[in-house]
C-alpha atoms as a PDB file:
ATOM      1  CA  MET A   1      -2.935   9.550  42.492  1.00  0.00           C
ATOM      2  CA  THR A   2      -3.956  12.047  45.139  1.00  0.00           C
ATOM      3  CA  THR A   3      -7.113  10.549  46.278  1.00  0.00           C
ATOM      4  CA  GLU A   4      -8.593   7.142  45.810  1.00  0.00           C
ATOM      5  CA  PRO A   5     -12.845   6.748  45.718  1.00  0.00           C
ATOM      6  CA  SER A   6     -14.304   4.281  47.874  1.00  0.00           C
ATOM      7  CA  LEU A   7     -14.895   1.000  46.113  1.00  0.00           C
ATOM      8  CA  ARG A   8     -18.465  -1.050  46.189  1.00  0.00           C
ATOM      9  CA  LEU A   9     -17.196  -4.127  47.687  1.00  0.00           C
ATOM     10  CA  LYS A  10     -20.540  -5.844  46.838  1.00  0.00           C
ATOM     11  CA  ASP A  11     -19.744  -5.154  42.991  1.00  0.00           C
ATOM     12  CA  PRO A  12     -16.734  -6.746  41.076  1.00  0.00           C
ATOM     13  CA  ILE A  13     -13.704  -4.909  42.001  1.00  0.00           C
ATOM     14  CA  ALA A  14     -11.604  -5.230  38.779  1.00  0.00           C
ATOM     15  CA  PRO A  15     -13.797  -3.245  37.012  1.00  0.00           C
ATOM     16  CA  GLN A  16     -13.937  -0.595  39.363  1.00  0.00           C
ATOM     17  CA  LEU A  17      -9.900  -0.199  39.624  1.00  0.00           C
ATOM     18  CA  VAL A  18      -9.955  -0.502  35.756  1.00  0.00           C
ATOM     19  CA  SER A  19     -12.330   2.869  35.861  1.00  0.00           C
ATOM     20  CA  SER A  20     -10.360   4.717  39.075  1.00  0.00           C
ATOM     21  CA  LEU A  21      -7.274   4.160  37.282  1.00  0.00           C
ATOM     22  CA  ARG A  22      -8.195   4.864  33.825  1.00  0.00           C
ATOM     23  CA  ARG A  23      -9.310   8.461  35.075  1.00  0.00           C
ATOM     24  CA  ALA A  24      -6.039   8.868  36.915  1.00  0.00           C
ATOM     25  CA  ILE A  25      -4.351   8.481  33.568  1.00  0.00           C
ATOM     26  CA  PHE A  26      -6.438  10.634  31.680  1.00  0.00           C
ATOM     27  CA  ALA A  27      -6.071  13.452  34.113  1.00  0.00           C
ATOM     28  CA  THR A  28      -2.097  12.795  34.104  1.00  0.00           C
ATOM     29  CA  GLN A  29      -2.183  11.883  38.039  1.00  0.00           C
ATOM     30  CA  LEU A  30      -0.711   8.775  36.829  1.00  0.00           C
ATOM     31  CA  ARG A  31       1.575  10.126  34.345  1.00  0.00           C
ATOM     32  CA  PRO A  32       3.301   8.605  31.260  1.00  0.00           C
ATOM     33  CA  GLY A  33       6.270   6.507  32.129  1.00  0.00           C
ATOM     34  CA  GLN A  34       5.308   6.215  36.192  1.00  0.00           C
ATOM     35  CA  ALA A  35       5.695   2.512  37.460  1.00  0.00           C
ATOM     36  CA  LEU A  36       2.485   1.184  38.723  1.00  0.00           C
ATOM     37  CA  SER A  37       2.925  -1.696  41.996  1.00  0.00           C
ATOM     38  CA  GLU A  38       0.396  -4.009  42.492  1.00  0.00           C
ATOM     39  CA  LYS A  39       1.268  -3.959  46.190  1.00  0.00           C
ATOM     40  CA  ASP A  40       1.074   0.232  46.137  1.00  0.00           C
ATOM     41  CA  ILE A  41      -2.554   0.071  44.340  1.00  0.00           C
ATOM     42  CA  ALA A  42      -3.674  -2.817  46.409  1.00  0.00           C
ATOM     43  CA  GLY A  43      -2.853  -0.725  49.476  1.00  0.00           C
ATOM     44  CA  ARG A  44      -4.133   2.130  48.236  1.00  0.00           C
ATOM     45  CA  PHE A  45      -7.532   0.638  47.488  1.00  0.00           C
ATOM     46  CA  GLY A  46      -7.559  -1.520  50.559  1.00  0.00           C
ATOM     47  CA  VAL A  47      -7.599  -4.665  48.400  1.00  0.00           C
ATOM     48  CA  SER A  48      -6.322  -7.872  47.447  1.00  0.00           C
ATOM     49  CA  ARG A  49      -3.353  -8.126  44.385  1.00  0.00           C
ATOM     50  CA  GLN A  50      -5.382 -10.323  42.524  1.00  0.00           C
ATOM     51  CA  PRO A  51      -7.832  -7.750  41.046  1.00  0.00           C
ATOM     52  CA  VAL A  52      -5.231  -5.253  40.403  1.00  0.00           C
ATOM     53  CA  ARG A  53      -3.332  -7.614  38.571  1.00  0.00           C
ATOM     54  CA  GLU A  54      -6.766  -8.027  36.563  1.00  0.00           C
ATOM     55  CA  ALA A  55      -7.114  -4.088  36.218  1.00  0.00           C
ATOM     56  CA  PHE A  56      -3.637  -3.987  35.017  1.00  0.00           C
ATOM     57  CA  ASN A  57      -4.349  -6.548  32.312  1.00  0.00           C
ATOM     58  CA  LYS A  58      -7.345  -5.022  30.817  1.00  0.00           C
ATOM     59  CA  LEU A  59      -5.559  -1.247  30.736  1.00  0.00           C
ATOM     60  CA  SER A  60      -2.989  -3.018  28.796  1.00  0.00           C
ATOM     61  CA  GLU A  61      -5.206  -4.613  26.649  1.00  0.00           C
ATOM     62  CA  ALA A  62      -6.720  -0.724  25.893  1.00  0.00           C
ATOM     63  CA  GLY A  63      -3.196   0.637  25.272  1.00  0.00           C
ATOM     64  CA  LEU A  64      -2.867   2.561  28.496  1.00  0.00           C
ATOM     65  CA  VAL A  65      -0.080   0.605  30.437  1.00  0.00           C
ATOM     66  CA  GLN A  66       2.562  -1.620  29.730  1.00  0.00           C
ATOM     67  CA  ILE A  67       3.315  -4.809  31.295  1.00  0.00           C
ATOM     68  CA  LEU A  68       6.995  -6.063  31.036  1.00  0.00           C
ATOM     69  CA  PRO A  69       7.890  -9.502  32.464  1.00  0.00           C
ATOM     70  CA  SER A  70      10.746  -8.898  35.281  1.00  0.00           C
ATOM     71  CA  ARG A  71      10.115  -5.284  35.026  1.00  0.00           C
ATOM     72  CA  GLY A  72       6.758  -4.498  36.321  1.00  0.00           C
ATOM     73  CA  THR A  73       4.058  -2.310  34.875  1.00  0.00           C
ATOM     74  CA  CYS A  74       4.423   1.352  33.888  1.00  0.00           C
ATOM     75  CA  VAL A  75       1.768   3.734  32.008  1.00  0.00           C
ATOM     76  CA  MET A  76       2.414   4.272  28.381  1.00  0.00           C
ATOM     77  CA  LYS A  77       3.501   7.680  27.022  1.00  0.00           C
ATOM     78  CA  VAL A  78       0.540   9.296  24.650  1.00  0.00           C
ATOM     79  CA  SER A  79       0.547   8.021  20.954  1.00  0.00           C
ATOM     80  CA  MET A  80      -0.708  10.546  18.602  1.00  0.00           C
ATOM     81  CA  ARG A  81      -0.828   8.022  15.870  1.00  0.00           C
ATOM     82  CA  ALA A  82      -3.108   5.927  18.469  1.00  0.00           C
ATOM     83  CA  ILE A  83      -5.224   8.782  19.182  1.00  0.00           C
ATOM     84  CA  VAL A  84      -5.778   9.794  15.734  1.00  0.00           C
ATOM     85  CA  ASN A  85      -6.480   6.416  14.434  1.00  0.00           C
ATOM     86  CA  ALA A  86      -9.207   5.937  17.526  1.00  0.00           C
ATOM     87  CA  ARG A  87     -10.806   9.112  16.656  1.00  0.00           C
ATOM     88  CA  PHE A  88     -10.899   7.752  12.847  1.00  0.00           C
ATOM     89  CA  VAL A  89     -12.872   4.452  14.190  1.00  0.00           C
ATOM     90  CA  ARG A  90     -15.169   6.871  16.674  1.00  0.00           C
ATOM     91  CA  GLU A  91     -15.932   9.160  13.500  1.00  0.00           C
ATOM     92  CA  ALA A  92     -17.331   6.014  11.776  1.00  0.00           C
ATOM     93  CA  VAL A  93     -19.239   4.745  14.555  1.00  0.00           C
ATOM     94  CA  GLU A  94     -20.415   7.637  16.047  1.00  0.00           C
ATOM     95  CA  CYS A  95     -21.880   9.300  12.915  1.00  0.00           C
ATOM     96  CA  ALA A  96     -23.688   6.098  12.355  1.00  0.00           C
ATOM     97  CA  ILE A  97     -25.183   6.151  15.998  1.00  0.00           C
ATOM     98  CA  ALA A  98     -26.156   9.968  15.444  1.00  0.00           C
ATOM     99  CA  ARG A  99     -28.057   9.389  12.134  1.00  0.00           C
ATOM    100  CA  ALA A 100     -29.686   6.310  13.736  1.00  0.00           C
ATOM    101  CA  ALA A 101     -30.627   8.304  17.052  1.00  0.00           C
ATOM    102  CA  SER A 102     -32.419  10.909  14.777  1.00  0.00           C
ATOM    103  CA  ALA A 103     -35.000   8.098  14.273  1.00  0.00           C
ATOM    104  CA  LEU A 104     -35.388   6.590  17.063  1.00  0.00           C
ATOM    105  CA  VAL A 105     -34.957   9.015  19.940  1.00  0.00           C
ATOM    106  CA  THR A 106     -38.061   9.399  22.501  1.00  0.00           C
ATOM    107  CA  ALA A 107     -39.174  12.407  24.386  1.00  0.00           C
ATOM    108  CA  GLU A 108     -37.664  10.626  27.341  1.00  0.00           C
ATOM    109  CA  ASP A 109     -34.410  10.404  25.747  1.00  0.00           C
ATOM    110  CA  MET A 110     -34.362  13.893  24.892  1.00  0.00           C
ATOM    111  CA  ILE A 111     -34.903  15.060  28.472  1.00  0.00           C
ATOM    112  CA  ARG A 112     -31.664  12.860  29.468  1.00  0.00           C
ATOM    113  CA  LEU A 113     -29.730  14.752  27.010  1.00  0.00           C
ATOM    114  CA  ARG A 114     -31.060  18.308  27.645  1.00  0.00           C
ATOM    115  CA  ARG A 115     -30.337  17.483  31.419  1.00  0.00           C
ATOM    116  CA  LEU A 116     -27.007  16.138  30.415  1.00  0.00           C
ATOM    117  CA  ILE A 117     -26.287  19.649  28.747  1.00  0.00           C
ATOM    118  CA  GLU A 118     -27.416  21.497  31.679  1.00  0.00           C
ATOM    119  CA  ARG A 119     -25.056  19.659  34.014  1.00  0.00           C
ATOM    120  CA  GLN A 120     -21.854  20.316  31.664  1.00  0.00           C
ATOM    121  CA  ARG A 121     -23.040  24.124  31.660  1.00  0.00           C
ATOM    122  CA  GLU A 122     -22.498  23.876  35.523  1.00  0.00           C
ATOM    123  CA  ALA A 123     -19.332  21.950  35.170  1.00  0.00           C
ATOM    124  CA  SER A 124     -18.204  24.570  32.468  1.00  0.00           C
ATOM    125  CA  ALA A 125     -19.238  27.448  34.941  1.00  0.00           C
ATOM    126  CA  LEU A 126     -17.298  26.064  37.715  1.00  0.00           C
ATOM    127  CA  ALA A 127     -14.399  25.399  35.466  1.00  0.00           C
ATOM    128  CA  ASP A 128     -14.692  21.740  36.839  1.00  0.00           C
ATOM    129  CA  HIS A 129     -12.782  19.907  34.209  1.00  0.00           C
ATOM    130  CA  ALA A 130     -13.012  16.457  35.560  1.00  0.00           C
ATOM    131  CA  SER A 131     -16.819  16.727  35.772  1.00  0.00           C
ATOM    132  CA  PHE A 132     -17.116  17.628  32.464  1.00  0.00           C
ATOM    133  CA  ALA A 133     -15.243  14.898  31.015  1.00  0.00           C
ATOM    134  CA  VAL A 134     -17.356  12.416  32.702  1.00  0.00           C
ATOM    135  CA  LEU A 135     -20.409  14.202  31.563  1.00  0.00           C
ATOM    136  CA  ASP A 136     -18.871  14.333  28.373  1.00  0.00           C
ATOM    137  CA  GLU A 137     -18.269  10.573  28.293  1.00  0.00           C
ATOM    138  CA  ASN A 138     -22.123  10.046  29.777  1.00  0.00           C
ATOM    139  CA  PHE A 139     -23.200  12.011  26.737  1.00  0.00           C
ATOM    140  CA  HIS A 140     -21.905  10.106  24.031  1.00  0.00           C
ATOM    141  CA  GLN A 141     -23.193   6.954  26.231  1.00  0.00           C
ATOM    142  CA  THR A 142     -26.540   8.042  26.322  1.00  0.00           C
ATOM    143  CA  LEU A 143     -26.431   8.531  22.501  1.00  0.00           C
ATOM    144  CA  ALA A 144     -25.207   4.956  22.055  1.00  0.00           C
ATOM    145  CA  GLU A 145     -27.709   3.637  24.198  1.00  0.00           C
ATOM    146  CA  ILE A 146     -30.664   5.019  22.315  1.00  0.00           C
ATOM    147  CA  VAL A 147     -29.854   2.989  19.180  1.00  0.00           C
ATOM    148  CA  ASP A 148     -29.443   0.188  21.349  1.00  0.00           C
ATOM    149  CA  CYS A 149     -26.489  -1.321  20.134  1.00  0.00           C
ATOM    150  CA  ASP A 150     -24.094  -2.837  22.706  1.00  0.00           C
ATOM    151  CA  TYR A 151     -21.199  -3.740  20.020  1.00  0.00           C
ATOM    152  CA  ALA A 152     -21.173  -0.106  18.874  1.00  0.00           C
ATOM    153  CA  ALA A 153     -20.921   1.189  22.419  1.00  0.00           C
ATOM    154  CA  ARG A 154     -18.262  -1.048  23.315  1.00  0.00           C
ATOM    155  CA  ILE A 155     -16.249  -0.003  20.159  1.00  0.00           C
ATOM    156  CA  VAL A 156     -16.530   3.585  21.162  1.00  0.00           C
ATOM    157  CA  GLU A 157     -15.464   3.070  24.823  1.00  0.00           C
ATOM    158  CA  GLY A 158     -12.511   0.868  23.701  1.00  0.00           C
ATOM    159  CA  ALA A 159     -11.788   3.899  21.301  1.00  0.00           C
ATOM    160  CA  ARG A 160     -12.303   6.659  24.246  1.00  0.00           C
ATOM    161  CA  ALA A 161      -9.353   5.139  26.078  1.00  0.00           C
ATOM    162  CA  GLN A 162      -7.029   6.574  23.286  1.00  0.00           C
ATOM    163  CA  THR A 163      -8.766   9.993  22.589  1.00  0.00           C
ATOM    164  CA  ASP A 164      -9.361  10.526  26.255  1.00  0.00           C
ATOM    165  CA  ARG A 165      -5.955  10.563  27.088  1.00  0.00           C
ATOM    166  CA  VAL A 166      -5.971  14.236  25.466  1.00  0.00           C
ATOM    167  CA  ARG A 167      -9.248  15.120  26.311  1.00  0.00           C
ATOM    168  CA  TYR A 168      -8.413  16.299  29.788  1.00  0.00           C
ATOM    169  CA  LEU A 169      -5.282  18.021  28.397  1.00  0.00           C
ATOM    170  CA  SER A 170      -7.204  20.019  25.840  1.00  0.00           C
ATOM    171  CA  LEU A 171     -10.150  21.241  28.103  1.00  0.00           C
ATOM    172  CA  PRO A 172      -8.333  24.130  29.774  1.00  0.00           C
ATOM    173  CA  GLY A 173      -7.541  25.849  26.140  1.00  0.00           C
ATOM    174  CA  ALA A 174      -7.036  24.044  22.926  1.00  0.00           C
ATOM    175  CA  SER A 175     -10.828  22.944  23.067  1.00  0.00           C
ATOM    176  CA  PRO A 176     -12.994  24.838  25.477  1.00  0.00           C
ATOM    177  CA  ILE A 177     -15.478  23.536  27.484  1.00  0.00           C
ATOM    178  CA  PRO A 178     -18.010  25.824  25.864  1.00  0.00           C
ATOM    179  CA  LEU A 179     -17.289  25.092  22.261  1.00  0.00           C
ATOM    180  CA  LEU A 180     -17.646  21.360  22.916  1.00  0.00           C
ATOM    181  CA  ILE A 181     -20.670  21.965  24.951  1.00  0.00           C
ATOM    182  CA  ALA A 182     -22.134  24.181  21.625  1.00  0.00           C
ATOM    183  CA  GLN A 183     -21.606  21.246  19.424  1.00  0.00           C
ATOM    184  CA  HIS A 184     -23.286  18.856  21.902  1.00  0.00           C
ATOM    185  CA  VAL A 185     -26.222  20.887  21.480  1.00  0.00           C
ATOM    186  CA  ALA A 186     -26.185  21.096  17.732  1.00  0.00           C
ATOM    187  CA  ILE A 187     -25.662  17.368  17.723  1.00  0.00           C
ATOM    188  CA  ILE A 188     -29.000  16.850  19.791  1.00  0.00           C
ATOM    189  CA  ASP A 189     -31.007  19.618  18.056  1.00  0.00           C
ATOM    190  CA  ALA A 190     -30.662  17.693  14.667  1.00  0.00           C
ATOM    191  CA  ILE A 191     -31.337  14.644  16.570  1.00  0.00           C
ATOM    192  CA  ALA A 192     -34.819  16.068  17.898  1.00  0.00           C
ATOM    193  CA  ALA A 193     -35.426  17.567  14.343  1.00  0.00           C
ATOM    194  CA  GLY A 194     -35.403  14.001  13.035  1.00  0.00           C
ATOM    195  CA  ASP A 195     -32.411  15.412  10.603  1.00  0.00           C
ATOM    196  CA  ALA A 196     -30.275  12.245  10.064  1.00  0.00           C
ATOM    197  CA  ASP A 197     -27.816  14.414   7.683  1.00  0.00           C
ATOM    198  CA  GLY A 198     -27.402  17.172  10.293  1.00  0.00           C
ATOM    199  CA  ALA A 199     -26.716  14.874  13.218  1.00  0.00           C
ATOM    200  CA  GLU A 200     -23.983  13.175  11.299  1.00  0.00           C
ATOM    201  CA  CYS A 201     -22.162  16.184  10.202  1.00  0.00           C
ATOM    202  CA  GLU A 202     -22.472  17.703  13.385  1.00  0.00           C
ATOM    203  CA  MET A 203     -21.221  14.671  15.375  1.00  0.00           C
ATOM    204  CA  ARG A 204     -18.163  14.408  12.582  1.00  0.00           C
ATOM    205  CA  LYS A 205     -17.393  18.225  13.038  1.00  0.00           C
ATOM    206  CA  HIS A 206     -17.696  17.523  17.035  1.00  0.00           C
ATOM    207  CA  LEU A 207     -15.169  14.440  16.713  1.00  0.00           C
ATOM    208  CA  ARG A 208     -12.764  16.173  14.234  1.00  0.00           C
ATOM    209  CA  GLU A 209     -12.196  18.876  16.866  1.00  0.00           C
ATOM    210  CA  ILE A 210      -9.245  17.045  18.517  1.00  0.00           C
ATOM    211  CA  LEU A 211      -7.518  17.103  15.141  1.00  0.00           C
ATOM    212  CA  ASN A 212      -7.280  20.579  15.896  1.00  0.00           C
ATOM    213  CA  ALA A 213      -6.537  20.608  19.407  1.00  0.00           C
ATOM    214  CA  LEU A 214      -3.959  17.905  19.139  1.00  0.00           C
ATOM    215  CA  PRO A 215      -0.684  19.866  17.574  1.00  0.00           C
ATOM    216  CA  ARG A 216      -0.798  22.456  20.332  1.00  0.00           C
ATOM    217  CA  ILE A 217      -1.384  19.963  23.178  1.00  0.00           C
ATOM    218  CA  ALA A 218       1.872  17.875  22.079  1.00  0.00           C
ATOM    219  CA  GLN A 219       3.508  20.957  21.579  1.00  0.00           C
ATOM    220  CA  ASN A 220       2.331  22.243  25.287  1.00  0.00           C
ATOM    221  CA  TYR A 221       3.222  18.744  26.621  1.00  0.00           C
ATOM    222  CA  PRO A 222       5.611  17.010  24.839  1.00  0.00           C
ATOM    223  CA  GLU A 223       7.224  15.368  27.620  1.00  0.00           C
ATOM    224  CA  LEU A 224       4.015  12.865  27.473  1.00  0.00           C
ATOM    225  CA  PHE A 225       4.217  11.700  23.741  1.00  0.00           C
ATOM    226  CA  GLU A 226       6.181   9.150  22.307  1.00  0.00           C
ATOM    227  CA  ASP A 227       5.654  10.212  18.805  1.00  0.00           C
ATOM    228  CA  GLU A 228       4.704  13.300  16.464  1.00  0.00           C
ATOM    229  CA  VAL A 229       3.658  11.066  13.474  1.00  0.00           C
ATOM    230  CA  MET A 230      -0.214  11.517  12.173  1.00  0.00           C
ATOM    231  CA  PRO A 231      -1.288   8.859   9.769  1.00  0.00           C
ATOM    232  CA  ALA A 232      -1.952   9.379   6.214  1.00  0.00           C
ATOM    233  CA  HIS A 233      -5.811   9.631   6.587  1.00  0.00           C
ATOM    234  CA  THR A 234      -6.005  12.715   8.379  1.00  0.00           C
ATOM    235  CA  GLN A 235      -4.527  14.329   5.402  1.00  0.00           C
ATOM    236  CA  VAL A 236      -7.510  13.245   3.561  1.00  0.00           C
ATOM    237  CA  LEU A 237      -9.798  14.682   6.112  1.00  0.00           C
ATOM    238  CA  HIS A 238      -8.085  18.263   5.476  1.00  0.00           C
ATOM    239  CA  ARG A 239      -8.720  18.245   2.019  1.00  0.00           C
ATOM    240  CA  PRO A 240     -11.201  20.678   0.864  1.00  0.00           C
END
């Protein structure tokens, strides 16, 4: 990790550590196989070891780190199988969210979504991949908020722990930012028009983009991956 954002000491520390460490893992500032020390992380953030231990446990539950008794904690390698399976779950949930949003969206919601698109375009113009990744997450979170389903939002957040591992790697070339923004626009245009079928279709197309990018990412960064096995359900997705 190059820099550590300051923590809000009035708020719970462990969730903030989870967020910071997740993004460091996604951006490969913490690389697969790298050992993590409670003492080192606590020192970098200026906190005690207890919230760091809690953060490591949460990251372990998300499949991002591995805690080995008597051996310590390390960043897990990227699993192609885990990523594709997480994407499969996201498609089921987020296509349902898109359909529901087409019936529930308000004018105020559309303003929020359009502003996010503008901020994404600004990040694209600056080639600011880190900012775009955060704004992409905000886009999907906002759609979940529109349909007012906390459980669905938690499922998506959990699945993103895997899919976001390759999202950062895909932005420079495999999945260019302008393409992803165009897909976001297509989704919200369909939602604004009350077109449930169209919203679902555009969301499905968007979430399947990773299937096109993943083989190229694995080829470009073979040292980050632990497997090359694609689950059987991906064959169904590519059938005519």
